[in-house]
Amino acid sequence: MRRFILGLSNGINAVVRRVTIFAVALMFVAVMVQVIARYVFSSPPVWTEDVARYAMVWTGLLGASLSFKSRSDAVLMQSVFPSRPHLLGLLADALQTVAILTFILPVLYFCFFDLRGGMARSYLARQAGITMDTLGIPMVWISVVVPVSFIIILIHLAARWAEGHSRHDQTELTAALD
């Protein structure tokens, strides 16, 4: 199971990295078209601003999952317990996990369900009813990045625990063999 979780996390991370690079490139191209059209032709297309904005949203949220995977995120408790013994490290990891879950789980819940547990007034359902004026597509295609990125972070969190436990097991095995 550990191998599966670690492999899933690594595979998703590789795909997300490519999608994020595409989103950054798309944002750059949209901004360049906007600038050139505005200052050279004095007639900017209306869609470029929205494409750049929504590419930035996708870049930011997917980039957060990349940052979490590579541990480039703000690491909770690292400044409090810089070099921590194993038990203290597990406590700090548990506190970090609780903090992450406290934030992510309610957001995920309300992406799919409303206050009464129905799906009709959830965040994604409301976004599906809104169409972007400039692009003519439902806002749900932009908004879906919220639950997608948070689910990816949860998978990376599970991989952190699987990786940490397998490292701990390997250390104990090496110590027992010596």
C-alpha atoms as a PDB file:
ATOM      1  CA  MET A   1       0.000   0.000   0.000  1.00  0.00           C
ATOM      2  CA  ARG A   2       2.868   2.378   0.775  1.00  0.00           C
ATOM      3  CA  ARG A   3       4.354   1.847  -2.667  1.00  0.00           C
ATOM      4  CA  PHE A   4       0.979   2.536  -4.261  1.00  0.00           C
ATOM      5  CA  ILE A   5       0.492   5.792  -2.335  1.00  0.00           C
ATOM      6  CA  LEU A   6       4.041   6.965  -3.048  1.00  0.00           C
ATOM      7  CA  GLY A   7       3.738   6.029  -6.732  1.00  0.00           C
ATOM      8  CA  LEU A   8       0.355   7.735  -7.016  1.00  0.00           C
ATOM      9  CA  SER A   9       1.709  10.876  -5.374  1.00  0.00           C
ATOM     10  CA  ASN A  10       4.763  10.959  -7.640  1.00  0.00           C
ATOM     11  CA  GLY A  11       2.713  10.281 -10.778  1.00  0.00           C
ATOM     12  CA  ILE A  12       0.160  12.963  -9.966  1.00  0.00           C
ATOM     13  CA  ASN A  13       2.980  15.383  -9.181  1.00  0.00           C
ATOM     14  CA  ALA A  14       4.538  14.796 -12.618  1.00  0.00           C
ATOM     15  CA  VAL A  15       1.215  15.458 -14.372  1.00  0.00           C
ATOM     16  CA  VAL A  16       0.473  18.517 -12.231  1.00  0.00           C
ATOM     17  CA  ARG A  17       3.927  19.929 -12.972  1.00  0.00           C
ATOM     18  CA  ARG A  18       3.192  19.735 -16.725  1.00  0.00           C
ATOM     19  CA  VAL A  19      -0.283  21.254 -16.358  1.00  0.00           C
ATOM     20  CA  THR A  20       1.141  24.063 -14.221  1.00  0.00           C
ATOM     21  CA  ILE A  21       3.864  24.806 -16.771  1.00  0.00           C
ATOM     22  CA  PHE A  22       1.171  24.918 -19.471  1.00  0.00           C
ATOM     23  CA  ALA A  23      -0.931  27.293 -17.332  1.00  0.00           C
ATOM     24  CA  VAL A  24       2.050  29.621 -16.800  1.00  0.00           C
ATOM     25  CA  ALA A  25       2.791  29.584 -20.538  1.00  0.00           C
ATOM     26  CA  LEU A  26      -0.880  30.245 -21.327  1.00  0.00           C
ATOM     27  CA  MET A  27      -0.924  33.145 -18.881  1.00  0.00           C
ATOM     28  CA  PHE A  28       2.241  34.582 -20.442  1.00  0.00           C
ATOM     29  CA  VAL A  29       0.872  34.297 -23.987  1.00  0.00           C
ATOM     30  CA  ALA A  30      -2.464  35.864 -23.000  1.00  0.00           C
ATOM     31  CA  VAL A  31      -0.726  38.792 -21.319  1.00  0.00           C
ATOM     32  CA  MET A  32       1.607  39.296 -24.293  1.00  0.00           C
ATOM     33  CA  VAL A  33      -1.331  39.258 -26.730  1.00  0.00           C
ATOM     34  CA  GLN A  34      -3.095  41.771 -24.474  1.00  0.00           C
ATOM     35  CA  VAL A  35      -0.073  44.084 -24.317  1.00  0.00           C
ATOM     36  CA  ILE A  36       0.693  43.912 -28.032  1.00  0.00           C
ATOM     37  CA  ALA A  37      -2.937  44.349 -29.018  1.00  0.00           C
ATOM     38  CA  ARG A  38      -3.372  47.269 -26.621  1.00  0.00           C
ATOM     39  CA  TYR A  39      -0.229  49.244 -27.398  1.00  0.00           C
ATOM     40  CA  VAL A  40       0.376  48.337 -31.035  1.00  0.00           C
ATOM     41  CA  PHE A  41      -3.154  47.991 -32.405  1.00  0.00           C
ATOM     42  CA  SER A  42      -5.069  49.979 -29.737  1.00  0.00           C
ATOM     43  CA  SER A  43      -7.671  47.220 -29.715  1.00  0.00           C
ATOM     44  CA  PRO A  44      -7.152  44.554 -27.052  1.00  0.00           C
ATOM     45  CA  PRO A  45      -9.301  41.413 -27.233  1.00  0.00           C
ATOM     46  CA  VAL A  46     -11.695  41.062 -24.311  1.00  0.00           C
ATOM     47  CA  TRP A  47     -10.844  37.411 -23.653  1.00  0.00           C
ATOM     48  CA  THR A  48      -7.125  37.822 -22.874  1.00  0.00           C
ATOM     49  CA  GLU A  49      -7.635  39.288 -19.422  1.00  0.00           C
ATOM     50  CA  ASP A  50      -9.897  36.424 -18.345  1.00  0.00           C
ATOM     51  CA  VAL A  51      -7.624  33.757 -19.801  1.00  0.00           C
ATOM     52  CA  ALA A  52      -4.634  35.256 -17.976  1.00  0.00           C
ATOM     53  CA  ARG A  53      -6.577  35.560 -14.713  1.00  0.00           C
ATOM     54  CA  TYR A  54      -7.900  32.010 -14.746  1.00  0.00           C
ATOM     55  CA  ALA A  55      -4.556  30.567 -15.842  1.00  0.00           C
ATOM     56  CA  MET A  56      -3.074  32.361 -12.832  1.00  0.00           C
ATOM     57  CA  VAL A  57      -5.687  30.771 -10.546  1.00  0.00           C
ATOM     58  CA  TRP A  58      -4.858  27.304 -11.888  1.00  0.00           C
ATOM     59  CA  THR A  59      -1.127  28.043 -11.600  1.00  0.00           C
ATOM     60  CA  GLY A  60      -1.458  29.199  -8.007  1.00  0.00           C
ATOM     61  CA  LEU A  61      -3.569  26.326  -6.735  1.00  0.00           C
ATOM     62  CA  LEU A  62      -1.739  23.585  -8.622  1.00  0.00           C
ATOM     63  CA  GLY A  63       1.538  25.268  -7.681  1.00  0.00           C
ATOM     64  CA  ALA A  64       0.501  24.961  -4.041  1.00  0.00           C
ATOM     65  CA  SER A  65       0.249  21.190  -4.453  1.00  0.00           C
ATOM     66  CA  LEU A  66       3.682  21.118  -6.112  1.00  0.00           C
ATOM     67  CA  SER A  67       5.077  23.181  -3.262  1.00  0.00           C
ATOM     68  CA  PHE A  68       3.503  20.881  -0.687  1.00  0.00           C
ATOM     69  CA  LYS A  69       4.924  17.785  -2.396  1.00  0.00           C
ATOM     70  CA  SER A  70       8.453  19.211  -2.524  1.00  0.00           C
ATOM     71  CA  ARG A  71       8.156  20.516   1.043  1.00  0.00           C
ATOM     72  CA  SER A  72       8.754  24.046  -0.187  1.00  0.00           C
ATOM     73  CA  ASP A  73       5.647  25.153   1.672  1.00  0.00           C
ATOM     74  CA  ALA A  74       5.700  26.888   5.013  1.00  0.00           C
ATOM     75  CA  VAL A  75       6.479  23.998   7.306  1.00  0.00           C
ATOM     76  CA  LEU A  76       4.488  24.177  10.520  1.00  0.00           C
ATOM     77  CA  MET A  77       6.432  23.439  13.684  1.00  0.00           C
ATOM     78  CA  GLN A  78       9.865  23.366  12.005  1.00  0.00           C
ATOM     79  CA  SER A  79      10.926  26.580  13.743  1.00  0.00           C
ATOM     80  CA  VAL A  80       9.632  25.283  17.077  1.00  0.00           C
ATOM     81  CA  PHE A  81      11.331  21.877  16.824  1.00  0.00           C
ATOM     82  CA  PRO A  82      14.281  22.402  14.431  1.00  0.00           C
ATOM     83  CA  SER A  83      16.086  19.135  15.223  1.00  0.00           C
ATOM     84  CA  ARG A  84      13.563  16.856  16.723  1.00  0.00           C
ATOM     85  CA  PRO A  85      13.836  13.390  18.170  1.00  0.00           C
ATOM     86  CA  HIS A  86      11.608  10.731  16.649  1.00  0.00           C
ATOM     87  CA  LEU A  87       8.710  11.045  19.105  1.00  0.00           C
ATOM     88  CA  LEU A  88       8.746  14.839  18.955  1.00  0.00           C
ATOM     89  CA  GLY A  89       8.948  14.620  15.153  1.00  0.00           C
ATOM     90  CA  LEU A  90       5.863  12.420  15.063  1.00  0.00           C
ATOM     91  CA  LEU A  91       4.039  14.889  17.293  1.00  0.00           C
ATOM     92  CA  ALA A  92       5.012  17.807  15.051  1.00  0.00           C
ATOM     93  CA  ASP A  93       3.968  15.828  11.949  1.00  0.00           C
ATOM     94  CA  ALA A  94       0.651  14.976  13.605  1.00  0.00           C
ATOM     95  CA  LEU A  95       0.023  18.639  14.499  1.00  0.00           C
ATOM     96  CA  GLN A  96       0.852  19.678  10.947  1.00  0.00           C
ATOM     97  CA  THR A  97      -1.501  17.029   9.578  1.00  0.00           C
ATOM     98  CA  VAL A  98      -4.313  18.180  11.882  1.00  0.00           C
ATOM     99  CA  ALA A  99      -3.796  21.785  10.750  1.00  0.00           C
ATOM    100  CA  ILE A 100      -3.863  20.784   7.085  1.00  0.00           C
ATOM    101  CA  LEU A 101      -6.960  18.621   7.500  1.00  0.00           C
ATOM    102  CA  THR A 102      -8.721  21.332   9.522  1.00  0.00           C
ATOM    103  CA  PHE A 103      -8.381  23.658   6.563  1.00  0.00           C
ATOM    104  CA  ILE A 104      -8.791  21.287   3.610  1.00  0.00           C
ATOM    105  CA  LEU A 105     -11.642  18.999   4.677  1.00  0.00           C
ATOM    106  CA  PRO A 106     -14.304  21.716   5.196  1.00  0.00           C
ATOM    107  CA  VAL A 107     -13.348  23.362   1.897  1.00  0.00           C
ATOM    108  CA  LEU A 108     -13.630  20.028   0.108  1.00  0.00           C
ATOM    109  CA  TYR A 109     -16.956  19.306   1.796  1.00  0.00           C
ATOM    110  CA  PHE A 110     -18.484  22.606   0.690  1.00  0.00           C
ATOM    111  CA  CYS A 111     -17.147  22.161  -2.843  1.00  0.00           C
ATOM    112  CA  PHE A 112     -19.485  19.197  -3.220  1.00  0.00           C
ATOM    113  CA  PHE A 113     -22.197  19.746  -0.569  1.00  0.00           C
ATOM    114  CA  ASP A 114     -24.158  22.634   0.942  1.00  0.00           C
ATOM    115  CA  LEU A 115     -24.910  23.262   4.624  1.00  0.00           C
ATOM    116  CA  ARG A 116     -27.726  20.708   4.642  1.00  0.00           C
ATOM    117  CA  GLY A 117     -25.714  18.028   2.861  1.00  0.00           C
ATOM    118  CA  GLY A 118     -27.352  18.508  -0.515  1.00  0.00           C
ATOM    119  CA  MET A 119     -25.442  18.928  -3.719  1.00  0.00           C
ATOM    120  CA  ALA A 120     -27.707  21.445  -5.456  1.00  0.00           C
ATOM    121  CA  ARG A 121     -26.250  24.527  -3.682  1.00  0.00           C
ATOM    122  CA  SER A 122     -22.634  23.371  -3.352  1.00  0.00           C
ATOM    123  CA  TYR A 123     -19.800  25.582  -4.551  1.00  0.00           C
ATOM    124  CA  LEU A 124     -19.300  23.632  -7.773  1.00  0.00           C
ATOM    125  CA  ALA A 125     -23.049  23.435  -8.465  1.00  0.00           C
ATOM    126  CA  ARG A 126     -23.360  27.207  -8.106  1.00  0.00           C
ATOM    127  CA  GLN A 127     -20.352  27.739 -10.383  1.00  0.00           C
ATOM    128  CA  ALA A 128     -21.858  25.416 -13.007  1.00  0.00           C
ATOM    129  CA  GLY A 129     -24.784  27.824 -13.296  1.00  0.00           C
ATOM    130  CA  ILE A 130     -22.557  30.809 -14.087  1.00  0.00           C
ATOM    131  CA  THR A 131     -21.146  31.381 -17.567  1.00  0.00           C
ATOM    132  CA  MET A 132     -18.164  33.594 -18.290  1.00  0.00           C
ATOM    133  CA  ASP A 133     -19.259  36.460 -20.515  1.00  0.00           C
ATOM    134  CA  THR A 134     -16.020  36.759 -22.445  1.00  0.00           C
ATOM    135  CA  LEU A 135     -15.258  33.078 -22.993  1.00  0.00           C
ATOM    136  CA  GLY A 136     -18.760  31.618 -22.899  1.00  0.00           C
ATOM    137  CA  ILE A 137     -17.819  28.607 -20.780  1.00  0.00           C
ATOM    138  CA  PRO A 138     -19.195  27.597 -17.369  1.00  0.00           C
ATOM    139  CA  MET A 139     -17.212  28.890 -14.391  1.00  0.00           C
ATOM    140  CA  VAL A 140     -17.111  25.349 -13.011  1.00  0.00           C
ATOM    141  CA  TRP A 141     -14.192  24.648 -15.383  1.00  0.00           C
ATOM    142  CA  ILE A 142     -12.189  27.282 -13.540  1.00  0.00           C
ATOM    143  CA  SER A 143     -13.534  26.492 -10.070  1.00  0.00           C
ATOM    144  CA  VAL A 144     -12.880  22.758 -10.254  1.00  0.00           C
ATOM    145  CA  VAL A 145      -9.207  23.454  -9.560  1.00  0.00           C
ATOM    146  CA  VAL A 146     -10.054  24.100  -5.888  1.00  0.00           C
ATOM    147  CA  PRO A 147     -11.152  20.551  -5.024  1.00  0.00           C
ATOM    148  CA  VAL A 148      -8.658  19.036  -7.471  1.00  0.00           C
ATOM    149  CA  SER A 149      -5.693  20.791  -5.872  1.00  0.00           C
ATOM    150  CA  PHE A 150      -6.885  19.988  -2.343  1.00  0.00           C
ATOM    151  CA  ILE A 151      -7.407  16.321  -3.175  1.00  0.00           C
ATOM    152  CA  ILE A 152      -3.894  16.254  -4.626  1.00  0.00           C
ATOM    153  CA  ILE A 153      -2.537  17.802  -1.420  1.00  0.00           C
ATOM    154  CA  LEU A 154      -4.348  15.107   0.596  1.00  0.00           C
ATOM    155  CA  ILE A 155      -2.703  12.424  -1.560  1.00  0.00           C
ATOM    156  CA  HIS A 156       0.687  14.071  -1.016  1.00  0.00           C
ATOM    157  CA  LEU A 157      -0.037  14.203   2.719  1.00  0.00           C
ATOM    158  CA  ALA A 158      -0.751  10.464   2.741  1.00  0.00           C
ATOM    159  CA  ALA A 159       2.510   9.948   0.837  1.00  0.00           C
ATOM    160  CA  ARG A 160       4.394  11.994   3.456  1.00  0.00           C
ATOM    161  CA  TRP A 161       3.096   9.690   6.174  1.00  0.00           C
ATOM    162  CA  ALA A 162       3.834   6.572   4.115  1.00  0.00           C
ATOM    163  CA  GLU A 163       7.311   7.840   3.316  1.00  0.00           C
ATOM    164  CA  GLY A 164       7.985   8.828   6.903  1.00  0.00           C
ATOM    165  CA  HIS A 165       6.878   5.492   8.276  1.00  0.00           C
ATOM    166  CA  SER A 166       8.851   3.530   5.704  1.00  0.00           C
ATOM    167  CA  ARG A 167      11.963   5.625   6.484  1.00  0.00           C
ATOM    168  CA  HIS A 168      11.422   4.973  10.203  1.00  0.00           C
ATOM    169  CA  ASP A 169      10.987   1.228   9.562  1.00  0.00           C
ATOM    170  CA  GLN A 170      14.184   1.156   7.461  1.00  0.00           C
ATOM    171  CA  THR A 171      16.112   2.983  10.211  1.00  0.00           C
ATOM    172  CA  GLU A 172      14.911   0.506  12.821  1.00  0.00           C
ATOM    173  CA  LEU A 173      15.765  -2.424  10.534  1.00  0.00           C
ATOM    174  CA  THR A 174      19.266  -1.059   9.899  1.00  0.00           C
ATOM    175  CA  ALA A 175      19.809  -0.497  13.630  1.00  0.00           C
ATOM    176  CA  ALA A 176      18.614  -4.021  14.399  1.00  0.00           C
ATOM    177  CA  LEU A 177      20.964  -5.523  11.821  1.00  0.00           C
ATOM    178  CA  ASP A 178      24.002  -3.630  13.172  1.00  0.00           C
END
